[in-house]
Amino acid sequence: MNCRQQLGFTIVSAIFILVVIAALGAFIVNISSSQQIGSALDVQGSRAYQAARAGIEWGVYQVQASTNYQFGFGTSPVGTNLKTTASINVRACPTSPSSFTLPAPTLTGFTVTVTCTATTDQGSTGPTVYKVVATACNQPSGGSCPNTTDPGGFYVERRMEVSF
């Protein structure tokens, strides 16, 4: 057998092994990059959830903190009706929608938009039902969320609502 034929076979094997190792390396880099992006988006989603939750708490507080509404029932003078001094129908929604950024350093970059609607029972004798909706996002449109235009990049949004 000729020595030149054996040398050609070694070069082909070496090139094949290099191509396989390069493809495996590219695959690992691609998977690693996807994992890092997914992890970053997961963290951003958690931050958006916490921002929306803060917006809900702010909205509920604004409804409850009406100057005419008394939080505590406490003790009352004998013969008075507590219902007249602590009526649940004197609460009011804040100006809606209200958009703001949160001062917490972990929630920097998120804007929260809170809307509130009040629905009174028919005849105004029943309770008023308040619905507070908070939407938090990292790329607001015109200073409020949600962003209805194409924000580009990684847009994260969470929406929460509560009725009481």
C-alpha atoms as a PDB file:
ATOM      1  CA  MET A   1       0.000   0.000   0.000  1.00  0.00           C
ATOM      2  CA  ASN A   2       1.161   3.473  -0.816  1.00  0.00           C
ATOM      3  CA  CYS A   3       2.040   5.927   1.985  1.00  0.00           C
ATOM      4  CA  ARG A   4       0.300   8.827   0.238  1.00  0.00           C
ATOM      5  CA  GLN A   5      -3.104   7.130   0.340  1.00  0.00           C
ATOM      6  CA  GLN A   6      -2.922   6.808   4.135  1.00  0.00           C
ATOM      7  CA  LEU A   7      -2.040  10.516   4.628  1.00  0.00           C
ATOM      8  CA  GLY A   8      -5.115  11.645   2.666  1.00  0.00           C
ATOM      9  CA  PHE A   9      -7.377   9.546   4.867  1.00  0.00           C
ATOM     10  CA  THR A  10      -6.034  11.200   8.039  1.00  0.00           C
ATOM     11  CA  ILE A  11      -6.740  14.723   6.747  1.00  0.00           C
ATOM     12  CA  VAL A  12     -10.359  13.834   5.880  1.00  0.00           C
ATOM     13  CA  SER A  13     -10.897  12.353   9.353  1.00  0.00           C
ATOM     14  CA  ALA A  14      -9.397  15.428  11.036  1.00  0.00           C
ATOM     15  CA  ILE A  15     -11.601  17.820   9.032  1.00  0.00           C
ATOM     16  CA  PHE A  16     -14.700  15.744   9.850  1.00  0.00           C
ATOM     17  CA  ILE A  17     -13.917  15.813  13.591  1.00  0.00           C
ATOM     18  CA  LEU A  18     -13.303  19.601  13.486  1.00  0.00           C
ATOM     19  CA  VAL A  19     -16.642  20.202  11.727  1.00  0.00           C
ATOM     20  CA  VAL A  20     -18.515  18.054  14.270  1.00  0.00           C
ATOM     21  CA  ILE A  21     -16.840  19.798  17.228  1.00  0.00           C
ATOM     22  CA  ALA A  22     -17.564  23.268  15.730  1.00  0.00           C
ATOM     23  CA  ALA A  23     -21.243  22.380  15.185  1.00  0.00           C
ATOM     24  CA  LEU A  24     -21.510  21.070  18.748  1.00  0.00           C
ATOM     25  CA  GLY A  25     -19.913  24.274  20.090  1.00  0.00           C
ATOM     26  CA  ALA A  26     -22.331  26.470  18.095  1.00  0.00           C
ATOM     27  CA  PHE A  27     -25.272  24.447  19.410  1.00  0.00           C
ATOM     28  CA  ILE A  28     -24.118  24.849  23.022  1.00  0.00           C
ATOM     29  CA  VAL A  29     -23.647  28.623  22.588  1.00  0.00           C
ATOM     30  CA  ASN A  30     -27.145  28.913  21.077  1.00  0.00           C
ATOM     31  CA  ILE A  31     -28.772  26.957  23.931  1.00  0.00           C
ATOM     32  CA  SER A  32     -26.839  28.922  26.565  1.00  0.00           C
ATOM     33  CA  SER A  33     -27.875  32.244  25.014  1.00  0.00           C
ATOM     34  CA  SER A  34     -31.542  31.177  24.899  1.00  0.00           C
ATOM     35  CA  GLN A  35     -31.394  30.123  28.550  1.00  0.00           C
ATOM     36  CA  GLN A  36     -29.948  33.473  29.610  1.00  0.00           C
ATOM     37  CA  ILE A  37     -32.608  35.426  27.692  1.00  0.00           C
ATOM     38  CA  GLY A  38     -35.359  33.244  29.170  1.00  0.00           C
ATOM     39  CA  SER A  39     -34.017  33.757  32.659  1.00  0.00           C
ATOM     40  CA  ALA A  40     -33.814  37.531  32.197  1.00  0.00           C
ATOM     41  CA  LEU A  41     -37.398  37.645  30.906  1.00  0.00           C
ATOM     42  CA  ASP A  42     -38.531  35.567  33.883  1.00  0.00           C
ATOM     43  CA  VAL A  43     -36.977  38.081  36.272  1.00  0.00           C
ATOM     44  CA  GLN A  44     -38.577  40.960  34.355  1.00  0.00           C
ATOM     45  CA  GLY A  45     -41.946  39.180  34.517  1.00  0.00           C
ATOM     46  CA  SER A  46     -41.646  38.857  38.293  1.00  0.00           C
ATOM     47  CA  ARG A  47     -40.750  42.525  38.592  1.00  0.00           C
ATOM     48  CA  ALA A  48     -43.737  43.488  36.426  1.00  0.00           C
ATOM     49  CA  TYR A  49     -46.004  41.353  38.638  1.00  0.00           C
ATOM     50  CA  GLN A  50     -44.740  43.109  41.776  1.00  0.00           C
ATOM     51  CA  ALA A  51     -45.220  46.515  40.132  1.00  0.00           C
ATOM     52  CA  ALA A  52     -48.811  45.624  39.172  1.00  0.00           C
ATOM     53  CA  ARG A  53     -49.452  44.381  42.689  1.00  0.00           C
ATOM     54  CA  ALA A  54     -48.154  47.677  44.105  1.00  0.00           C
ATOM     55  CA  GLY A  55     -50.520  49.477  41.728  1.00  0.00           C
ATOM     56  CA  ILE A  56     -53.469  47.411  43.021  1.00  0.00           C
ATOM     57  CA  GLU A  57     -52.564  48.203  46.618  1.00  0.00           C
ATOM     58  CA  TRP A  58     -52.253  51.900  45.789  1.00  0.00           C
ATOM     59  CA  GLY A  59     -55.646  51.915  44.030  1.00  0.00           C
ATOM     60  CA  VAL A  60     -57.429  50.101  46.869  1.00  0.00           C
ATOM     61  CA  TYR A  61     -55.877  52.465  49.383  1.00  0.00           C
ATOM     62  CA  GLN A  62     -57.030  55.495  47.361  1.00  0.00           C
ATOM     63  CA  VAL A  63     -60.609  54.178  47.383  1.00  0.00           C
ATOM     64  CA  GLN A  64     -60.523  53.361  51.094  1.00  0.00           C
ATOM     65  CA  ALA A  65     -58.802  56.587  52.142  1.00  0.00           C
ATOM     66  CA  SER A  66     -61.712  58.860  51.286  1.00  0.00           C
ATOM     67  CA  THR A  67     -61.964  61.644  53.861  1.00  0.00           C
ATOM     68  CA  ASN A  68     -65.614  60.786  54.568  1.00  0.00           C
ATOM     69  CA  TYR A  69     -64.981  57.100  55.177  1.00  0.00           C
ATOM     70  CA  GLN A  70     -64.042  55.914  58.656  1.00  0.00           C
ATOM     71  CA  PHE A  71     -61.889  52.806  58.795  1.00  0.00           C
ATOM     72  CA  GLY A  72     -62.456  51.799  62.420  1.00  0.00           C
ATOM     73  CA  PHE A  73     -65.788  51.108  63.976  1.00  0.00           C
ATOM     74  CA  GLY A  74     -64.467  51.413  67.538  1.00  0.00           C
ATOM     75  CA  THR A  75     -66.879  52.263  70.307  1.00  0.00           C
ATOM     76  CA  SER A  76     -69.751  54.616  69.739  1.00  0.00           C
ATOM     77  CA  PRO A  77     -71.914  56.597  72.103  1.00  0.00           C
ATOM     78  CA  VAL A  78     -74.885  54.643  73.411  1.00  0.00           C
ATOM     79  CA  GLY A  79     -77.898  54.849  71.139  1.00  0.00           C
ATOM     80  CA  THR A  80     -76.050  55.835  67.943  1.00  0.00           C
ATOM     81  CA  ASN A  81     -76.065  53.794  64.798  1.00  0.00           C
ATOM     82  CA  LEU A  82     -72.566  52.978  63.531  1.00  0.00           C
ATOM     83  CA  LYS A  83     -73.911  52.479  60.033  1.00  0.00           C
ATOM     84  CA  THR A  84     -74.588  56.195  59.656  1.00  0.00           C
ATOM     85  CA  THR A  85     -71.068  57.193  60.724  1.00  0.00           C
ATOM     86  CA  ALA A  86     -69.195  54.589  58.690  1.00  0.00           C
ATOM     87  CA  SER A  87     -71.090  54.188  55.427  1.00  0.00           C
ATOM     88  CA  ILE A  88     -69.420  52.088  52.775  1.00  0.00           C
ATOM     89  CA  ASN A  89     -70.993  54.239  50.064  1.00  0.00           C
ATOM     90  CA  VAL A  90     -68.911  57.348  50.807  1.00  0.00           C
ATOM     91  CA  ARG A  91     -65.757  55.893  49.294  1.00  0.00           C
ATOM     92  CA  ALA A  92     -64.640  57.152  45.888  1.00  0.00           C
ATOM     93  CA  CYS A  93     -62.348  56.097  43.040  1.00  0.00           C
ATOM     94  CA  PRO A  94     -59.174  58.096  42.458  1.00  0.00           C
ATOM     95  CA  THR A  95     -58.749  60.026  39.232  1.00  0.00           C
ATOM     96  CA  SER A  96     -58.655  57.367  36.555  1.00  0.00           C
ATOM     97  CA  PRO A  97     -56.381  56.437  34.871  1.00  0.00           C
ATOM     98  CA  SER A  98     -53.399  57.297  37.043  1.00  0.00           C
ATOM     99  CA  SER A  99     -49.904  56.440  35.828  1.00  0.00           C
ATOM    100  CA  PHE A 100     -46.754  56.553  37.898  1.00  0.00           C
ATOM    101  CA  THR A 101     -43.324  55.021  38.314  1.00  0.00           C
ATOM    102  CA  LEU A 102     -42.382  53.231  41.490  1.00  0.00           C
ATOM    103  CA  PRO A 103     -39.618  54.503  43.791  1.00  0.00           C
ATOM    104  CA  ALA A 104     -38.365  51.011  44.717  1.00  0.00           C
ATOM    105  CA  PRO A 105     -34.927  50.402  43.173  1.00  0.00           C
ATOM    106  CA  THR A 106     -35.900  46.856  42.193  1.00  0.00           C
ATOM    107  CA  LEU A 107     -38.857  48.160  40.169  1.00  0.00           C
ATOM    108  CA  THR A 108     -37.037  50.932  38.316  1.00  0.00           C
ATOM    109  CA  GLY A 109     -37.975  51.048  34.682  1.00  0.00           C
ATOM    110  CA  PHE A 110     -41.583  49.978  35.238  1.00  0.00           C
ATOM    111  CA  THR A 111     -44.608  52.216  34.859  1.00  0.00           C
ATOM    112  CA  VAL A 112     -47.952  51.365  36.457  1.00  0.00           C
ATOM    113  CA  THR A 113     -51.317  52.566  35.177  1.00  0.00           C
ATOM    114  CA  VAL A 114     -54.248  52.193  37.583  1.00  0.00           C
ATOM    115  CA  THR A 115     -57.900  52.545  36.591  1.00  0.00           C
ATOM    116  CA  CYS A 116     -60.874  52.431  38.923  1.00  0.00           C
ATOM    117  CA  THR A 117     -64.576  52.063  38.198  1.00  0.00           C
ATOM    118  CA  ALA A 118     -67.425  52.197  40.671  1.00  0.00           C
ATOM    119  CA  THR A 119     -70.719  50.426  40.019  1.00  0.00           C
ATOM    120  CA  THR A 120     -73.621  51.276  42.292  1.00  0.00           C
ATOM    121  CA  ASP A 121     -76.354  48.766  42.909  1.00  0.00           C
ATOM    122  CA  GLN A 122     -79.740  49.562  41.353  1.00  0.00           C
ATOM    123  CA  GLY A 123     -81.701  52.061  43.384  1.00  0.00           C
ATOM    124  CA  SER A 124     -78.578  53.240  45.275  1.00  0.00           C
ATOM    125  CA  THR A 125     -79.589  51.175  48.272  1.00  0.00           C
ATOM    126  CA  GLY A 126     -77.055  48.422  47.861  1.00  0.00           C
ATOM    127  CA  PRO A 127     -73.297  48.553  48.112  1.00  0.00           C
ATOM    128  CA  THR A 128     -71.042  50.111  45.525  1.00  0.00           C
ATOM    129  CA  VAL A 129     -68.651  47.664  43.860  1.00  0.00           C
ATOM    130  CA  TYR A 130     -65.222  49.035  43.007  1.00  0.00           C
ATOM    131  CA  LYS A 131     -63.015  47.496  40.336  1.00  0.00           C
ATOM    132  CA  VAL A 132     -59.339  48.473  40.392  1.00  0.00           C
ATOM    133  CA  VAL A 133     -57.163  47.398  37.444  1.00  0.00           C
ATOM    134  CA  ALA A 134     -53.383  47.859  37.490  1.00  0.00           C
ATOM    135  CA  THR A 135     -51.237  47.358  34.400  1.00  0.00           C
ATOM    136  CA  ALA A 136     -47.450  47.439  34.750  1.00  0.00           C
ATOM    137  CA  CYS A 137     -45.042  47.500  31.810  1.00  0.00           C
ATOM    138  CA  ASN A 138     -41.400  48.250  31.094  1.00  0.00           C
ATOM    139  CA  GLN A 139     -41.983  50.254  27.886  1.00  0.00           C
ATOM    140  CA  PRO A 140     -44.980  52.562  28.367  1.00  0.00           C
ATOM    141  CA  SER A 141     -46.614  54.373  25.470  1.00  0.00           C
ATOM    142  CA  GLY A 142     -47.108  58.060  26.175  1.00  0.00           C
ATOM    143  CA  GLY A 143     -46.360  57.523  29.860  1.00  0.00           C
ATOM    144  CA  SER A 144     -49.017  54.860  30.434  1.00  0.00           C
ATOM    145  CA  CYS A 145     -49.535  51.127  30.070  1.00  0.00           C
ATOM    146  CA  PRO A 146     -50.359  49.022  28.139  1.00  0.00           C
ATOM    147  CA  ASN A 147     -48.251  49.879  25.127  1.00  0.00           C
ATOM    148  CA  THR A 148     -50.514  49.417  22.108  1.00  0.00           C
ATOM    149  CA  THR A 149     -47.794  50.295  19.599  1.00  0.00           C
ATOM    150  CA  ASP A 150     -44.930  48.000  18.663  1.00  0.00           C
ATOM    151  CA  PRO A 151     -42.465  48.632  21.502  1.00  0.00           C
ATOM    152  CA  GLY A 152     -39.643  46.578  20.001  1.00  0.00           C
ATOM    153  CA  GLY A 153     -37.147  44.701  22.128  1.00  0.00           C
ATOM    154  CA  PHE A 154     -38.312  42.756  25.147  1.00  0.00           C
ATOM    155  CA  TYR A 155     -41.685  44.153  26.237  1.00  0.00           C
ATOM    156  CA  VAL A 156     -42.969  42.841  29.567  1.00  0.00           C
ATOM    157  CA  GLU A 157     -46.455  43.563  30.910  1.00  0.00           C
ATOM    158  CA  ARG A 158     -48.576  42.280  33.785  1.00  0.00           C
ATOM    159  CA  ARG A 159     -52.210  43.148  34.496  1.00  0.00           C
ATOM    160  CA  MET A 160     -54.048  42.567  37.741  1.00  0.00           C
ATOM    161  CA  GLU A 161     -57.563  43.452  38.831  1.00  0.00           C
ATOM    162  CA  VAL A 162     -59.490  43.308  42.049  1.00  0.00           C
ATOM    163  CA  SER A 163     -63.140  43.973  42.848  1.00  0.00           C
ATOM    164  CA  PHE A 164     -64.445  44.804  46.280  1.00  0.00           C
END
